[in-house]
Amino acid sequence: ANFSDVASPLFALVMGMSAELVWRRGGRVGTTLLQQTLRGLFLVVLGVWMASWGSWVAVVLAYLGLLIIIGAPILLARTPVVIAVTVVILVVSQPLLALARTWVWAYTSGDPVRE
C-alpha cells in the first residue's frame, strides 16, 4: 500500500520531466498541445474502460490523462503565468472538493458496464 501511495505522484513527476525534455528538442506549440491532448484523452478512455475490470490502475490512468491535458499548457507558459495558475488552483481547489463531495450520484451510480 505504501508503494502505491508513492508510485503515482512519482510517475506524474517523471512524466512532467519527460515532457520538458521532449519540448526542449523543439516543436510547435499547437502540435505539442494537440498531441498531449490526444494522449491524455486516450489515457482517460483507457482508464474508464479498465474501470470495468475493477483494477486500481484505471484510477491512475484517468488522473494521469487529465494531468497531461492540463499540464501541457502550463509547461509551455512563462514563470509568472505558472505562479498565477498555481495560486488560482490553490484557492479554488478546496471549495471545489467540498462541492464535489456533496455529489451523491458519483458515489451511488452503478457499474458503467453491465454484462
Protein backbone atom coordinates (compact mmCIF):
# COMPACT_ATOMS: atom_id res chain seq x y z
CA ALA A 1 0.00 0.00 0.00
CA ASN A 2 2.84 2.39 0.79
CA PHE A 3 4.41 1.76 -2.61
CA SER A 4 1.13 2.54 -4.37
CA ASP A 5 0.80 5.82 -2.45
CA VAL A 6 4.20 6.96 -3.71
CA ALA A 7 4.17 5.45 -7.20
CA SER A 8 1.52 7.70 -8.76
CA PRO A 9 3.00 11.06 -7.68
CA LEU A 10 6.48 9.92 -8.68
CA PHE A 11 5.22 8.78 -12.07
CA ALA A 12 3.49 12.15 -12.57
CA LEU A 13 6.74 13.91 -11.68
CA VAL A 14 8.73 11.82 -14.14
CA MET A 15 6.03 12.37 -16.76
CA GLY A 16 6.39 16.13 -16.34
CA MET A 17 10.16 15.98 -16.51
CA SER A 18 9.93 13.89 -19.68
CA ALA A 19 7.53 16.39 -21.24
CA GLU A 20 10.02 19.18 -20.54
CA LEU A 21 12.86 17.24 -22.13
CA VAL A 22 10.79 16.44 -25.21
CA TRP A 23 9.72 20.08 -25.51
CA ARG A 24 13.34 21.27 -25.41
CA ARG A 25 14.08 19.21 -28.53
CA GLY A 26 11.95 21.69 -30.40
CA GLY A 27 8.43 21.69 -31.59
CA ARG A 28 5.44 23.78 -32.38
CA VAL A 29 3.11 24.88 -29.64
CA GLY A 30 -0.10 23.90 -31.45
CA THR A 31 1.24 20.48 -32.44
CA THR A 32 2.50 19.80 -28.92
CA LEU A 33 -0.79 20.78 -27.29
CA LEU A 34 -2.78 18.67 -29.75
CA GLN A 35 -0.54 15.62 -29.23
CA GLN A 36 -0.70 15.92 -25.45
CA THR A 37 -4.47 16.38 -25.51
CA LEU A 38 -4.93 13.28 -27.67
CA ARG A 39 -2.61 11.27 -25.42
CA GLY A 40 -4.47 12.48 -22.35
CA LEU A 41 -7.86 11.61 -23.81
CA PHE A 42 -6.55 8.16 -24.73
CA LEU A 43 -5.43 7.60 -21.13
CA VAL A 44 -8.79 8.77 -19.77
CA VAL A 45 -10.72 6.47 -22.14
CA LEU A 46 -8.38 3.59 -21.34
CA GLY A 47 -8.79 4.27 -17.61
CA VAL A 48 -12.59 4.35 -17.86
CA TRP A 49 -12.56 1.13 -19.88
CA MET A 50 -10.26 -0.55 -17.35
CA ALA A 51 -12.55 0.60 -14.53
CA SER A 52 -14.92 -2.13 -15.63
CA TRP A 53 -12.19 -4.63 -14.70
CA GLY A 54 -12.04 -3.40 -11.10
CA SER A 55 -8.34 -2.59 -11.39
CA TRP A 56 -6.67 0.17 -9.34
CA VAL A 57 -4.62 1.03 -12.45
CA ALA A 58 -7.72 2.56 -14.05
CA VAL A 59 -7.82 5.32 -11.45
CA VAL A 60 -4.19 6.20 -12.06
CA LEU A 61 -4.57 6.30 -15.84
CA ALA A 62 -7.55 8.64 -15.78
CA TYR A 63 -5.82 11.12 -13.47
CA LEU A 64 -2.60 10.99 -15.47
CA GLY A 65 -4.57 11.62 -18.64
CA LEU A 66 -6.10 14.74 -17.12
CA LEU A 67 -2.69 15.75 -15.83
CA ILE A 68 -1.27 15.64 -19.35
CA ILE A 69 -4.14 17.70 -20.75
CA ILE A 70 -3.87 20.34 -18.03
CA GLY A 71 -0.11 20.19 -17.63
CA ALA A 72 0.95 20.69 -21.26
CA PRO A 73 -0.23 24.33 -21.48
CA ILE A 74 1.29 25.05 -18.07
CA LEU A 75 4.59 23.54 -19.25
CA LEU A 76 4.68 25.97 -22.16
CA ALA A 77 3.76 29.01 -20.05
CA ARG A 78 6.18 31.54 -18.58
CA THR A 79 7.03 31.53 -14.88
CA PRO A 80 4.65 34.36 -13.80
CA VAL A 81 1.75 32.57 -15.52
CA VAL A 82 2.64 29.29 -13.79
CA ILE A 83 2.73 31.08 -10.43
CA ALA A 84 -0.67 32.67 -11.10
CA VAL A 85 -2.21 29.35 -12.17
CA THR A 86 -0.81 27.68 -9.06
CA VAL A 87 -2.30 30.33 -6.80
CA VAL A 88 -5.70 30.07 -8.51
CA ILE A 89 -5.68 26.27 -8.23
CA LEU A 90 -4.69 26.52 -4.57
CA VAL A 91 -7.52 28.93 -3.78
CA VAL A 92 -10.21 27.14 -5.82
CA SER A 93 -9.34 23.52 -5.06
CA GLN A 94 -10.69 23.24 -1.52
CA PRO A 95 -14.14 24.75 -2.20
CA LEU A 96 -14.38 22.68 -5.39
CA LEU A 97 -13.56 19.49 -3.48
CA ALA A 98 -16.12 20.36 -0.81
CA LEU A 99 -18.75 20.84 -3.52
CA ALA A 100 -17.78 17.58 -5.27
CA ARG A 101 -18.17 15.66 -2.01
CA THR A 102 -21.84 16.67 -1.96
CA TRP A 103 -22.49 14.99 -5.31
CA VAL A 104 -24.14 11.83 -4.07
CA TRP A 105 -24.71 10.48 -7.58
CA ALA A 106 -20.98 9.99 -8.04
CA TYR A 107 -20.93 7.50 -5.16
CA THR A 108 -24.21 5.76 -5.80
CA SER A 109 -24.13 5.20 -9.55
CA GLY A 110 -23.98 1.63 -10.74
CA ASP A 111 -21.32 -0.09 -12.75
CA PRO A 112 -20.69 1.66 -16.07
CA VAL A 113 -20.58 -1.67 -17.93
CA ARG A 114 -23.11 -4.41 -17.40
CA GLU A 115 -22.67 -7.91 -18.71
